[in-house]
Amino acid sequence: MKSIGVVRHIDRLGRIVLPMELRKVFGIKQDDPLEIYVDEDKIILKQYKPACIFCGNAKEMVSYKGQNICKKCLEELKAQEE
C-alpha cells in the first residue's frame, strides 16, 4: 500500500474530505458512490460500479475477483476458452 503523505481529520459528523488530486486521478465526481471495505486494520474505499465491466449491463450480475460481469458476458468468456 502506498502513502501519499496526506492526513485528513474526521469532522463531528464522521466525514473526511478526499483530496481533489485523488478524485481527479480516479475520476471520482460529486455524488459518485463509493463502496467501503474492511481488511483487517484497513478501511478501503472503492468506486462502486454495479454494471458489467464488458457491456455495461446491470442485470443478472456475477462478481468475479472483485469485478462485476453479467451472465451473458460470462457465458461468452467460457465459450472462448473451449
PDB file of N, CA and C in Angstrom:
ATOM      1  N   MET A   1       0.848  -1.176   0.000  1.00  0.00           N
ATOM      2  CA  MET A   1       0.000   0.000   0.000  1.00  0.00           C
ATOM      3  C   MET A   1       0.891   1.236   0.000  1.00  0.00           C
ATOM      4  N   LYS A   2       0.504   2.241  -0.742  1.00  0.00           N
ATOM      5  CA  LYS A   2       1.333   3.429  -0.942  1.00  0.00           C
ATOM      6  C   LYS A   2       0.756   4.624  -0.171  1.00  0.00           C
ATOM      7  N   SER A   3       1.575   5.299   0.594  1.00  0.00           N
ATOM      8  CA  SER A   3       1.158   6.510   1.296  1.00  0.00           C
ATOM      9  C   SER A   3       1.384   7.715   0.395  1.00  0.00           C
ATOM     10  N   ILE A   4       0.414   8.629   0.378  1.00  0.00           N
ATOM     11  CA  ILE A   4       0.578   9.834  -0.433  1.00  0.00           C
ATOM     12  C   ILE A   4       0.932  11.042   0.426  1.00  0.00           C
ATOM     13  N   GLY A   5       1.101  10.814   1.729  1.00  0.00           N
ATOM     14  CA  GLY A   5       1.553  11.873   2.616  1.00  0.00           C
ATOM     15  C   GLY A   5       0.495  12.899   2.991  1.00  0.00           C
ATOM     16  N   VAL A   6      -0.774  12.553   2.840  1.00  0.00           N
ATOM     17  CA  VAL A   6      -1.857  13.477   3.175  1.00  0.00           C
ATOM     18  C   VAL A   6      -2.584  12.946   4.400  1.00  0.00           C
ATOM     19  N   VAL A   7      -2.790  13.808   5.373  1.00  0.00           N
ATOM     20  CA  VAL A   7      -3.546  13.447   6.573  1.00  0.00           C
ATOM     21  C   VAL A   7      -4.794  14.306   6.620  1.00  0.00           C
ATOM     22  N   ARG A   8      -5.929  13.683   6.833  1.00  0.00           N
ATOM     23  CA  ARG A   8      -7.206  14.396   6.948  1.00  0.00           C
ATOM     24  C   ARG A   8      -7.822  14.070   8.298  1.00  0.00           C
ATOM     25  N   HIS A   9      -8.508  15.043   8.869  1.00  0.00           N
ATOM     26  CA  HIS A   9      -9.204  14.840  10.141  1.00  0.00           C
ATOM     27  C   HIS A   9     -10.672  14.529   9.875  1.00  0.00           C
ATOM     28  N   ILE A  10     -11.254  13.739  10.741  1.00  0.00           N
ATOM     29  CA  ILE A  10     -12.678  13.412  10.650  1.00  0.00           C
ATOM     30  C   ILE A  10     -13.449  14.508  11.372  1.00  0.00           C
ATOM     31  N   ASP A  11     -14.510  15.029  10.720  1.00  0.00           N
ATOM     32  CA  ASP A  11     -15.291  16.090  11.367  1.00  0.00           C
ATOM     33  C   ASP A  11     -16.286  15.485  12.366  1.00  0.00           C
ATOM     34  N   ARG A  12     -17.089  16.337  12.999  1.00  0.00           N
ATOM     35  CA  ARG A  12     -18.013  15.889  14.046  1.00  0.00           C
ATOM     36  C   ARG A  12     -19.066  14.919  13.525  1.00  0.00           C
ATOM     37  N   LEU A  13     -19.335  14.934  12.234  1.00  0.00           N
ATOM     38  CA  LEU A  13     -20.320  14.033  11.646  1.00  0.00           C
ATOM     39  C   LEU A  13     -19.688  12.761  11.078  1.00  0.00           C
ATOM     40  N   GLY A  14     -18.369  12.595  11.292  1.00  0.00           N
ATOM     41  CA  GLY A  14     -17.679  11.392  10.827  1.00  0.00           C
ATOM     42  C   GLY A  14     -17.233  11.455   9.383  1.00  0.00           C
ATOM     43  N   ARG A  15     -17.193  12.641   8.807  1.00  0.00           N
ATOM     44  CA  ARG A  15     -16.827  12.792   7.389  1.00  0.00           C
ATOM     45  C   ARG A  15     -15.355  13.140   7.229  1.00  0.00           C
ATOM     46  N   ILE A  16     -14.796  12.743   6.079  1.00  0.00           N
ATOM     47  CA  ILE A  16     -13.460  13.179   5.680  1.00  0.00           C
ATOM     48  C   ILE A  16     -13.565  13.719   4.257  1.00  0.00           C
ATOM     49  N   VAL A  17     -12.602  14.526   3.860  1.00  0.00           N
ATOM     50  CA  VAL A  17     -12.567  15.064   2.502  1.00  0.00           C
ATOM     51  C   VAL A  17     -11.452  14.363   1.745  1.00  0.00           C
ATOM     52  N   LEU A  18     -11.798  13.789   0.594  1.00  0.00           N
ATOM     53  CA  LEU A  18     -10.769  13.207  -0.270  1.00  0.00           C
ATOM     54  C   LEU A  18     -10.101  14.331  -1.043  1.00  0.00           C
ATOM     55  N   PRO A  19      -8.778  14.364  -1.075  1.00  0.00           N
ATOM     56  CA  PRO A  19      -8.083  15.428  -1.791  1.00  0.00           C
ATOM     57  C   PRO A  19      -8.496  15.477  -3.266  1.00  0.00           C
ATOM     58  N   MET A  20      -8.603  16.681  -3.798  1.00  0.00           N
ATOM     59  CA  MET A  20      -9.014  16.882  -5.175  1.00  0.00           C
ATOM     60  C   MET A  20      -8.110  16.132  -6.144  1.00  0.00           C
ATOM     61  N   GLU A  21      -6.812  16.104  -5.859  1.00  0.00           N
ATOM     62  CA  GLU A  21      -5.881  15.414  -6.743  1.00  0.00           C
ATOM     63  C   GLU A  21      -6.249  13.937  -6.878  1.00  0.00           C
ATOM     64  N   LEU A  22      -6.605  13.291  -5.765  1.00  0.00           N
ATOM     65  CA  LEU A  22      -7.002  11.885  -5.803  1.00  0.00           C
ATOM     66  C   LEU A  22      -8.308  11.701  -6.558  1.00  0.00           C
ATOM     67  N   ARG A  23      -9.251  12.597  -6.332  1.00  0.00           N
ATOM     68  CA  ARG A  23     -10.532  12.494  -7.042  1.00  0.00           C
ATOM     69  C   ARG A  23     -10.315  12.619  -8.547  1.00  0.00           C
ATOM     70  N   LYS A  24      -9.420  13.503  -8.965  1.00  0.00           N
ATOM     71  CA  LYS A  24      -9.137  13.658 -10.396  1.00  0.00           C
ATOM     72  C   LYS A  24      -8.471  12.410 -10.963  1.00  0.00           C
ATOM     73  N   VAL A  25      -7.477  11.885 -10.272  1.00  0.00           N
ATOM     74  CA  VAL A  25      -6.751  10.706 -10.739  1.00  0.00           C
ATOM     75  C   VAL A  25      -7.696   9.513 -10.915  1.00  0.00           C
ATOM     76  N   PHE A  26      -8.631   9.341  -9.967  1.00  0.00           N
ATOM     77  CA  PHE A  26      -9.530   8.193 -10.006  1.00  0.00           C
ATOM     78  C   PHE A  26     -10.870   8.497 -10.671  1.00  0.00           C
ATOM     79  N   GLY A  27     -11.044   9.723 -11.147  1.00  0.00           N
ATOM     80  CA  GLY A  27     -12.281  10.076 -11.840  1.00  0.00           C
ATOM     81  C   GLY A  27     -13.499  10.089 -10.936  1.00  0.00           C
ATOM     82  N   ILE A  28     -13.318  10.449  -9.682  1.00  0.00           N
ATOM     83  CA  ILE A  28     -14.426  10.491  -8.719  1.00  0.00           C
ATOM     84  C   ILE A  28     -15.032  11.882  -8.743  1.00  0.00           C
ATOM     85  N   LYS A  29     -16.333  11.936  -8.999  1.00  0.00           N
ATOM     86  CA  LYS A  29     -17.042  13.215  -9.069  1.00  0.00           C
ATOM     87  C   LYS A  29     -18.025  13.335  -7.911  1.00  0.00           C
ATOM     88  N   GLN A  30     -18.524  14.535  -7.705  1.00  0.00           N
ATOM     89  CA  GLN A  30     -19.508  14.771  -6.647  1.00  0.00           C
ATOM     90  C   GLN A  30     -20.691  13.817  -6.821  1.00  0.00           C
ATOM     91  N   ASP A  31     -21.149  13.247  -5.750  1.00  0.00           N
ATOM     92  CA  ASP A  31     -22.278  12.310  -5.694  1.00  0.00           C
ATOM     93  C   ASP A  31     -21.975  10.924  -6.264  1.00  0.00           C
ATOM     94  N   ASP A  32     -20.726  10.644  -6.678  1.00  0.00           N
ATOM     95  CA  ASP A  32     -20.380   9.289  -7.110  1.00  0.00           C
ATOM     96  C   ASP A  32     -20.420   8.358  -5.897  1.00  0.00           C
ATOM     97  N   PRO A  33     -20.960   7.144  -6.068  1.00  0.00           N
ATOM     98  CA  PRO A  33     -20.993   6.207  -4.941  1.00  0.00           C
ATOM     99  C   PRO A  33     -19.638   5.529  -4.740  1.00  0.00           C
ATOM    100  N   LEU A  34     -19.291   5.314  -3.486  1.00  0.00           N
ATOM    101  CA  LEU A  34     -18.073   4.596  -3.126  1.00  0.00           C
ATOM    102  C   LEU A  34     -18.459   3.427  -2.217  1.00  0.00           C
ATOM    103  N   GLU A  35     -17.829   2.274  -2.431  1.00  0.00           N
ATOM    104  CA  GLU A  35     -18.019   1.130  -1.548  1.00  0.00           C
ATOM    105  C   GLU A  35     -16.974   1.202  -0.444  1.00  0.00           C
ATOM    106  N   ILE A  36     -17.347   0.722   0.735  1.00  0.00           N
ATOM    107  CA  ILE A  36     -16.433   0.721   1.875  1.00  0.00           C
ATOM    108  C   ILE A  36     -16.156  -0.733   2.248  1.00  0.00           C
ATOM    109  N   TYR A  37     -14.876  -1.097   2.284  1.00  0.00           N
ATOM    110  CA  TYR A  37     -14.443  -2.430   2.659  1.00  0.00           C
ATOM    111  C   TYR A  37     -13.554  -2.332   3.894  1.00  0.00           C
ATOM    112  N   VAL A  38     -13.478  -3.421   4.638  1.00  0.00           N
ATOM    113  CA  VAL A  38     -12.570  -3.510   5.773  1.00  0.00           C
ATOM    114  C   VAL A  38     -11.685  -4.726   5.550  1.00  0.00           C
ATOM    115  N   ASP A  39     -10.383  -4.538   5.663  1.00  0.00           N
ATOM    116  CA  ASP A  39      -9.414  -5.621   5.533  1.00  0.00           C
ATOM    117  C   ASP A  39      -8.487  -5.548   6.727  1.00  0.00           C
ATOM    118  N   GLU A  40      -8.746  -6.404   7.706  1.00  0.00           N
ATOM    119  CA  GLU A  40      -8.028  -6.396   8.981  1.00  0.00           C
ATOM    120  C   GLU A  40      -8.103  -5.002   9.601  1.00  0.00           C
ATOM    121  N   ASP A  41      -6.996  -4.258   9.593  1.00  0.00           N
ATOM    122  CA  ASP A  41      -6.993  -2.930  10.226  1.00  0.00           C
ATOM    123  C   ASP A  41      -7.058  -1.799   9.204  1.00  0.00           C
ATOM    124  N   LYS A  42      -7.491  -2.111   7.979  1.00  0.00           N
ATOM    125  CA  LYS A  42      -7.550  -1.094   6.922  1.00  0.00           C
ATOM    126  C   LYS A  42      -8.998  -0.822   6.523  1.00  0.00           C
ATOM    127  N   ILE A  43      -9.282   0.431   6.216  1.00  0.00           N
ATOM    128  CA  ILE A  43     -10.555   0.825   5.621  1.00  0.00           C
ATOM    129  C   ILE A  43     -10.263   1.159   4.171  1.00  0.00           C
ATOM    130  N   ILE A  44     -10.971   0.519   3.244  1.00  0.00           N
ATOM    131  CA  ILE A  44     -10.711   0.674   1.821  1.00  0.00           C
ATOM    132  C   ILE A  44     -11.926   1.283   1.140  1.00  0.00           C
ATOM    133  N   LEU A  45     -11.713   2.341   0.378  1.00  0.00           N
ATOM    134  CA  LEU A  45     -12.767   2.950  -0.426  1.00  0.00           C
ATOM    135  C   LEU A  45     -12.566   2.536  -1.869  1.00  0.00           C
ATOM    136  N   LYS A  46     -13.658   2.132  -2.528  1.00  0.00           N
ATOM    137  CA  LYS A  46     -13.578   1.706  -3.919  1.00  0.00           C
ATOM    138  C   LYS A  46     -14.771   2.282  -4.665  1.00  0.00           C
ATOM    139  N   GLN A  47     -14.527   2.739  -5.894  1.00  0.00           N
ATOM    140  CA  GLN A  47     -15.622   3.254  -6.701  1.00  0.00           C
ATOM    141  C   GLN A  47     -16.640   2.145  -6.908  1.00  0.00           C
ATOM    142  N   TYR A  48     -17.915   2.473  -6.721  1.00  0.00           N
ATOM    143  CA  TYR A  48     -18.988   1.498  -6.865  1.00  0.00           C
ATOM    144  C   TYR A  48     -19.429   1.461  -8.316  1.00  0.00           C
ATOM    145  N   LYS A  49     -19.251   0.310  -8.942  1.00  0.00           N
ATOM    146  CA  LYS A  49     -19.629   0.122 -10.340  1.00  0.00           C
ATOM    147  C   LYS A  49     -20.479  -1.135 -10.433  1.00  0.00           C
ATOM    148  N   PRO A  50     -21.803  -0.984 -10.371  1.00  0.00           N
ATOM    149  CA  PRO A  50     -22.667  -2.155 -10.337  1.00  0.00           C
ATOM    150  C   PRO A  50     -22.854  -2.847 -11.688  1.00  0.00           C
ATOM    151  N   ALA A  51     -22.459  -2.248 -12.774  1.00  0.00           N
ATOM    152  CA  ALA A  51     -22.705  -2.801 -14.109  1.00  0.00           C
ATOM    153  C   ALA A  51     -21.551  -3.690 -14.559  1.00  0.00           C
ATOM    154  N   CYS A  52     -21.826  -4.492 -15.587  1.00  0.00           N
ATOM    155  CA  CYS A  52     -20.838  -5.391 -16.192  1.00  0.00           C
ATOM    156  C   CYS A  52     -19.661  -4.577 -16.737  1.00  0.00           C
ATOM    157  N   ILE A  53     -18.450  -5.031 -16.451  1.00  0.00           N
ATOM    158  CA  ILE A  53     -17.261  -4.297 -16.902  1.00  0.00           C
ATOM    159  C   ILE A  53     -17.073  -4.391 -18.409  1.00  0.00           C
ATOM    160  N   PHE A  54     -17.739  -5.350 -19.064  1.00  0.00           N
ATOM    161  CA  PHE A  54     -17.585  -5.514 -20.504  1.00  0.00           C
ATOM    162  C   PHE A  54     -18.666  -4.795 -21.303  1.00  0.00           C
ATOM    163  N   CYS A  55     -19.939  -5.000 -20.934  1.00  0.00           N
ATOM    164  CA  CYS A  55     -21.025  -4.464 -21.765  1.00  0.00           C
ATOM    165  C   CYS A  55     -21.858  -3.373 -21.087  1.00  0.00           C
ATOM    166  N   GLY A  56     -21.677  -3.178 -19.772  1.00  0.00           N
ATOM    167  CA  GLY A  56     -22.430  -2.141 -19.070  1.00  0.00           C
ATOM    168  C   GLY A  56     -23.803  -2.573 -18.589  1.00  0.00           C
ATOM    169  N   ASN A  57     -24.206  -3.806 -18.874  1.00  0.00           N
ATOM    170  CA  ASN A  57     -25.494  -4.330 -18.429  1.00  0.00           C
ATOM    171  C   ASN A  57     -25.491  -4.439 -16.900  1.00  0.00           C
ATOM    172  N   ALA A  58     -26.617  -4.101 -16.267  1.00  0.00           N
ATOM    173  CA  ALA A  58     -26.689  -4.165 -14.808  1.00  0.00           C
ATOM    174  C   ALA A  58     -27.611  -5.277 -14.319  1.00  0.00           C
ATOM    175  N   LYS A  59     -28.021  -6.189 -15.224  1.00  0.00           N
ATOM    176  CA  LYS A  59     -28.916  -7.286 -14.844  1.00  0.00           C
ATOM    177  C   LYS A  59     -28.150  -8.594 -14.747  1.00  0.00           C
ATOM    178  N   GLU A  60     -28.579  -9.454 -13.837  1.00  0.00           N
ATOM    179  CA  GLU A  60     -28.001 -10.789 -13.653  1.00  0.00           C
ATOM    180  C   GLU A  60     -26.485 -10.737 -13.503  1.00  0.00           C
ATOM    181  N   MET A  61     -26.029 -10.023 -12.484  1.00  0.00           N
ATOM    182  CA  MET A  61     -24.602  -9.816 -12.281  1.00  0.00           C
ATOM    183  C   MET A  61     -23.974 -10.961 -11.482  1.00  0.00           C
ATOM    184  N   VAL A  62     -22.720 -11.254 -11.790  1.00  0.00           N
ATOM    185  CA  VAL A  62     -21.902 -12.203 -11.062  1.00  0.00           C
ATOM    186  C   VAL A  62     -20.617 -11.468 -10.703  1.00  0.00           C
ATOM    187  N   SER A  63     -20.161 -11.628  -9.475  1.00  0.00           N
ATOM    188  CA  SER A  63     -18.912 -10.989  -9.065  1.00  0.00           C
ATOM    189  C   SER A  63     -17.767 -11.983  -9.241  1.00  0.00           C
ATOM    190  N   TYR A  64     -16.707 -11.564  -9.935  1.00  0.00           N
ATOM    191  CA  TYR A  64     -15.538 -12.408 -10.147  1.00  0.00           C
ATOM    192  C   TYR A  64     -14.285 -11.590  -9.878  1.00  0.00           C
ATOM    193  N   LYS A  65     -13.563 -11.994  -8.852  1.00  0.00           N
ATOM    194  CA  LYS A  65     -12.334 -11.304  -8.445  1.00  0.00           C
ATOM    195  C   LYS A  65     -12.551  -9.802  -8.285  1.00  0.00           C
ATOM    196  N   GLY A  66     -13.659  -9.438  -7.652  1.00  0.00           N
ATOM    197  CA  GLY A  66     -13.941  -8.041  -7.363  1.00  0.00           C
ATOM    198  C   GLY A  66     -14.527  -7.254  -8.519  1.00  0.00           C
ATOM    199  N   GLN A  67     -14.799  -7.912  -9.639  1.00  0.00           N
ATOM    200  CA  GLN A  67     -15.363  -7.235 -10.808  1.00  0.00           C
ATOM    201  C   GLN A  67     -16.750  -7.797 -11.098  1.00  0.00           C
ATOM    202  N   ASN A  68     -17.640  -6.952 -11.598  1.00  0.00           N
ATOM    203  CA  ASN A  68     -18.983  -7.388 -11.953  1.00  0.00           C
ATOM    204  C   ASN A  68     -19.048  -7.772 -13.417  1.00  0.00           C
ATOM    205  N   ILE A  69     -19.596  -8.958 -13.673  1.00  0.00           N
ATOM    206  CA  ILE A  69     -19.749  -9.460 -15.037  1.00  0.00           C
ATOM    207  C   ILE A  69     -21.171  -9.996 -15.163  1.00  0.00           C
ATOM    208  N   CYS A  70     -21.860  -9.627 -16.244  1.00  0.00           N
ATOM    209  CA  CYS A  70     -23.210 -10.161 -16.443  1.00  0.00           C
ATOM    210  C   CYS A  70     -23.101 -11.610 -16.910  1.00  0.00           C
ATOM    211  N   LYS A  71     -24.189 -12.368 -16.727  1.00  0.00           N
ATOM    212  CA  LYS A  71     -24.159 -13.784 -17.083  1.00  0.00           C
ATOM    213  C   LYS A  71     -23.920 -14.008 -18.578  1.00  0.00           C
ATOM    214  N   LYS A  72     -24.417 -13.117 -19.422  1.00  0.00           N
ATOM    215  CA  LYS A  72     -24.212 -13.258 -20.861  1.00  0.00           C
ATOM    216  C   LYS A  72     -22.728 -13.168 -21.213  1.00  0.00           C
ATOM    217  N   CYS A  73     -22.040 -12.153 -20.690  1.00  0.00           N
ATOM    218  CA  CYS A  73     -20.607 -11.998 -20.969  1.00  0.00           C
ATOM    219  C   CYS A  73     -19.807 -13.151 -20.360  1.00  0.00           C
ATOM    220  N   LEU A  74     -20.224 -13.630 -19.199  1.00  0.00           N
ATOM    221  CA  LEU A  74     -19.552 -14.756 -18.566  1.00  0.00           C
ATOM    222  C   LEU A  74     -19.656 -15.996 -19.447  1.00  0.00           C
ATOM    223  N   GLU A  75     -20.832 -16.239 -20.012  1.00  0.00           N
ATOM    224  CA  GLU A  75     -21.009 -17.377 -20.918  1.00  0.00           C
ATOM    225  C   GLU A  75     -20.145 -17.223 -22.170  1.00  0.00           C
ATOM    226  N   GLU A  76     -20.044 -16.001 -22.698  1.00  0.00           N
ATOM    227  CA  GLU A  76     -19.196 -15.760 -23.863  1.00  0.00           C
ATOM    228  C   GLU A  76     -17.725 -16.042 -23.546  1.00  0.00           C
ATOM    229  N   LEU A  77     -17.300 -15.648 -22.359  1.00  0.00           N
ATOM    230  CA  LEU A  77     -15.913 -15.913 -21.953  1.00  0.00           C
ATOM    231  C   LEU A  77     -15.656 -17.418 -21.832  1.00  0.00           C
ATOM    232  N   LYS A  78     -16.615 -18.113 -21.250  1.00  0.00           N
ATOM    233  CA  LYS A  78     -16.470 -19.572 -21.116  1.00  0.00           C
ATOM    234  C   LYS A  78     -16.385 -20.224 -22.495  1.00  0.00           C
ATOM    235  N   ALA A  79     -17.208 -19.750 -23.441  1.00  0.00           N
ATOM    236  CA  ALA A  79     -17.212 -20.317 -24.783  1.00  0.00           C
ATOM    237  C   ALA A  79     -15.887 -20.099 -25.499  1.00  0.00           C
ATOM    238  N   GLN A  80     -15.222 -18.986 -25.237  1.00  0.00           N
ATOM    239  CA  GLN A  80     -13.933 -18.690 -25.878  1.00  0.00           C
ATOM    240  C   GLN A  80     -12.839 -19.629 -25.380  1.00  0.00           C
ATOM    241  N   GLU A  81     -12.973 -20.072 -24.131  1.00  0.00           N
ATOM    242  CA  GLU A  81     -11.964 -20.961 -23.553  1.00  0.00           C
ATOM    243  C   GLU A  81     -12.042 -22.376 -24.122  1.00  0.00           C
ATOM    244  N   GLU A  82     -13.192 -22.742 -24.659  1.00  0.00           N
ATOM    245  CA  GLU A  82     -13.392 -24.114 -25.153  1.00  0.00           C
ATOM    246  C   GLU A  82     -12.794 -24.340 -26.500  1.00  0.00           C
TER     247      GLU A  82
END
